[in-house]
Amino acid sequence: MPEPRRILTVHSPVPPKVLDDLLTSVESALHRVGAGRVWIDAHWGPDLAVMAELSDPAPSVAGVPG
C-alpha cells in the first residue's frame, strides 16, 4: 500500500480564487503521475498541506534525473 506523502504546504492567507486554482492544478498533476488519492490535511492550520498516496517516488524525488 502506498504511503501518504506531504506534497505541498500552502501558507495562508491565500485569496479563495487563487487557492481553488492552485489546489485544482496540483490535484490534476498528482493524478496524472499516478497518485491514487489526494487530499487536504488541515492539521497544520492555519496552513493547508496537500497530501497524496504515490506508489513509487517520481524520479526527480528519488534523486534520479527524470
N, C-alpha and C. Protein backbone atom coordinates (compact mmCIF):
# COMPACT_ATOMS: atom_id res chain seq x y z
N MET A 1 0.85 -1.19 0.00
CA MET A 1 0.00 0.00 0.00
C MET A 1 0.89 1.24 0.00
N PRO A 2 0.58 2.22 -0.85
CA PRO A 2 1.39 3.44 -0.90
C PRO A 2 1.28 4.23 0.40
N GLU A 3 2.38 4.85 0.78
CA GLU A 3 2.39 5.69 1.97
C GLU A 3 1.97 7.10 1.63
N PRO A 4 1.22 7.75 2.54
CA PRO A 4 0.88 9.15 2.30
C PRO A 4 2.13 10.02 2.36
N ARG A 5 2.18 11.00 1.50
CA ARG A 5 3.31 11.95 1.47
C ARG A 5 2.78 13.36 1.46
N ARG A 6 3.45 14.23 2.21
CA ARG A 6 3.09 15.64 2.15
C ARG A 6 3.77 16.20 0.91
N ILE A 7 2.98 16.72 0.00
CA ILE A 7 3.46 17.18 -1.30
C ILE A 7 3.71 18.67 -1.31
N LEU A 8 2.80 19.42 -0.69
CA LEU A 8 2.84 20.86 -0.78
C LEU A 8 2.18 21.45 0.45
N THR A 9 2.76 22.53 0.99
CA THR A 9 2.13 23.26 2.07
C THR A 9 1.79 24.65 1.55
N VAL A 10 0.54 25.03 1.73
CA VAL A 10 0.07 26.35 1.32
C VAL A 10 -0.09 27.19 2.57
N HIS A 11 0.67 28.27 2.63
CA HIS A 11 0.61 29.16 3.78
C HIS A 11 -0.49 30.19 3.57
N SER A 12 -1.26 30.41 4.61
CA SER A 12 -2.34 31.38 4.47
C SER A 12 -1.88 32.76 4.89
N PRO A 13 -2.61 33.78 4.54
CA PRO A 13 -3.86 33.72 3.77
C PRO A 13 -3.60 33.74 2.27
N VAL A 14 -4.44 33.03 1.56
CA VAL A 14 -4.41 33.00 0.10
C VAL A 14 -5.83 33.33 -0.37
N PRO A 15 -5.97 34.24 -1.32
CA PRO A 15 -7.31 34.55 -1.81
C PRO A 15 -8.02 33.28 -2.30
N PRO A 16 -9.31 33.16 -2.03
CA PRO A 16 -10.04 31.93 -2.36
C PRO A 16 -9.90 31.49 -3.82
N LYS A 17 -9.96 32.41 -4.78
CA LYS A 17 -9.84 32.03 -6.19
C LYS A 17 -8.46 31.46 -6.50
N VAL A 18 -7.43 32.08 -5.95
CA VAL A 18 -6.06 31.59 -6.15
C VAL A 18 -5.91 30.21 -5.52
N LEU A 19 -6.43 30.05 -4.31
CA LEU A 19 -6.35 28.76 -3.61
C LEU A 19 -7.06 27.67 -4.41
N ASP A 20 -8.25 27.96 -4.90
CA ASP A 20 -9.00 26.98 -5.68
C ASP A 20 -8.24 26.58 -6.94
N ASP A 21 -7.73 27.56 -7.69
CA ASP A 21 -6.97 27.26 -8.91
C ASP A 21 -5.71 26.46 -8.60
N LEU A 22 -5.00 26.85 -7.55
CA LEU A 22 -3.76 26.18 -7.18
C LEU A 22 -4.02 24.72 -6.79
N LEU A 23 -4.97 24.51 -5.91
CA LEU A 23 -5.23 23.15 -5.43
C LEU A 23 -5.79 22.26 -6.53
N THR A 24 -6.62 22.81 -7.40
CA THR A 24 -7.14 22.03 -8.52
C THR A 24 -6.02 21.61 -9.47
N SER A 25 -5.10 22.52 -9.73
CA SER A 25 -3.96 22.20 -10.61
C SER A 25 -3.04 21.16 -9.99
N VAL A 26 -2.77 21.29 -8.71
CA VAL A 26 -1.90 20.33 -8.02
C VAL A 26 -2.55 18.95 -8.02
N GLU A 27 -3.84 18.91 -7.73
CA GLU A 27 -4.56 17.63 -7.72
C GLU A 27 -4.50 16.97 -9.10
N SER A 28 -4.74 17.75 -10.14
CA SER A 28 -4.71 17.20 -11.50
C SER A 28 -3.32 16.66 -11.84
N ALA A 29 -2.29 17.40 -11.48
CA ALA A 29 -0.91 16.96 -11.76
C ALA A 29 -0.60 15.66 -11.01
N LEU A 30 -1.00 15.57 -9.77
CA LEU A 30 -0.73 14.37 -8.99
C LEU A 30 -1.46 13.16 -9.57
N HIS A 31 -2.70 13.34 -9.99
CA HIS A 31 -3.42 12.22 -10.60
C HIS A 31 -2.78 11.81 -11.92
N ARG A 32 -2.26 12.77 -12.69
CA ARG A 32 -1.59 12.44 -13.96
C ARG A 32 -0.35 11.58 -13.74
N VAL A 33 0.33 11.77 -12.62
CA VAL A 33 1.54 10.97 -12.37
C VAL A 33 1.25 9.71 -11.55
N GLY A 34 -0.03 9.42 -11.34
CA GLY A 34 -0.39 8.15 -10.73
C GLY A 34 -0.78 8.17 -9.27
N ALA A 35 -1.02 9.33 -8.70
CA ALA A 35 -1.47 9.36 -7.31
C ALA A 35 -2.82 8.67 -7.20
N GLY A 36 -2.93 7.78 -6.24
CA GLY A 36 -4.18 7.07 -6.05
C GLY A 36 -5.18 7.86 -5.24
N ARG A 37 -4.68 8.72 -4.40
CA ARG A 37 -5.54 9.51 -3.52
C ARG A 37 -4.85 10.83 -3.25
N VAL A 38 -5.61 11.92 -3.28
CA VAL A 38 -5.09 13.26 -2.99
C VAL A 38 -6.06 13.92 -2.02
N TRP A 39 -5.55 14.55 -0.96
CA TRP A 39 -6.44 15.20 0.00
C TRP A 39 -5.73 16.36 0.67
N ILE A 40 -6.51 17.18 1.37
CA ILE A 40 -6.00 18.32 2.13
C ILE A 40 -5.99 17.94 3.60
N ASP A 41 -4.86 18.15 4.24
CA ASP A 41 -4.74 17.91 5.68
C ASP A 41 -4.66 19.28 6.35
N ALA A 42 -5.71 19.66 7.06
CA ALA A 42 -5.77 20.96 7.73
C ALA A 42 -5.17 20.89 9.14
N HIS A 43 -4.60 19.76 9.49
CA HIS A 43 -3.98 19.57 10.81
C HIS A 43 -2.88 20.60 11.07
N TRP A 44 -2.27 21.11 10.01
CA TRP A 44 -1.15 22.04 10.12
C TRP A 44 -1.63 23.49 10.25
N GLY A 45 -2.97 23.70 10.36
CA GLY A 45 -3.61 25.01 10.38
C GLY A 45 -2.85 26.09 11.10
N PRO A 46 -2.93 27.29 10.60
CA PRO A 46 -3.85 27.73 9.56
C PRO A 46 -3.40 27.37 8.15
N ASP A 47 -2.24 26.74 8.00
CA ASP A 47 -1.78 26.33 6.67
C ASP A 47 -2.49 25.05 6.24
N LEU A 48 -2.46 24.78 4.95
CA LEU A 48 -3.04 23.56 4.40
C LEU A 48 -1.93 22.71 3.81
N ALA A 49 -1.95 21.43 4.07
CA ALA A 49 -0.98 20.52 3.49
C ALA A 49 -1.68 19.64 2.46
N VAL A 50 -1.14 19.62 1.25
CA VAL A 50 -1.65 18.73 0.22
C VAL A 50 -0.93 17.40 0.39
N MET A 51 -1.71 16.35 0.57
CA MET A 51 -1.18 15.01 0.78
C MET A 51 -1.56 14.14 -0.41
N ALA A 52 -0.75 13.11 -0.66
CA ALA A 52 -1.06 12.19 -1.76
C ALA A 52 -0.46 10.83 -1.46
N GLU A 53 -1.10 9.81 -1.99
CA GLU A 53 -0.56 8.46 -1.95
C GLU A 53 0.02 8.18 -3.33
N LEU A 54 1.33 8.00 -3.36
CA LEU A 54 2.02 7.68 -4.61
C LEU A 54 2.69 6.32 -4.44
N SER A 55 2.50 5.44 -5.42
CA SER A 55 3.06 4.09 -5.30
C SER A 55 4.57 4.08 -5.40
N ASP A 56 5.13 4.89 -6.29
CA ASP A 56 6.59 4.97 -6.45
C ASP A 56 6.98 6.44 -6.48
N PRO A 57 8.11 6.79 -5.87
CA PRO A 57 8.53 8.19 -5.97
C PRO A 57 8.86 8.57 -7.41
N ALA A 58 8.58 9.81 -7.74
CA ALA A 58 8.95 10.32 -9.06
C ALA A 58 10.46 10.30 -9.16
N PRO A 59 11.02 10.10 -10.37
CA PRO A 59 12.49 10.03 -10.50
C PRO A 59 13.22 11.22 -9.88
N SER A 60 12.71 12.42 -10.06
CA SER A 60 13.42 13.58 -9.50
C SER A 60 13.37 13.58 -7.98
N VAL A 61 12.31 13.01 -7.40
CA VAL A 61 12.20 12.94 -5.94
C VAL A 61 13.18 11.90 -5.41
N ALA A 62 13.39 10.84 -6.16
CA ALA A 62 14.29 9.78 -5.72
C ALA A 62 15.77 10.12 -5.99
N GLY A 63 16.02 11.26 -6.60
CA GLY A 63 17.40 11.65 -6.87
C GLY A 63 17.92 11.19 -8.22
N VAL A 64 17.04 10.59 -9.02
CA VAL A 64 17.42 10.12 -10.35
C VAL A 64 16.87 11.10 -11.37
N PRO A 65 17.69 11.59 -12.29
CA PRO A 65 17.17 12.52 -13.29
C PRO A 65 15.99 11.93 -14.05
N GLY A 66 14.96 12.76 -14.26
CA GLY A 66 13.75 12.29 -14.93
C GLY A 66 13.76 12.55 -16.31
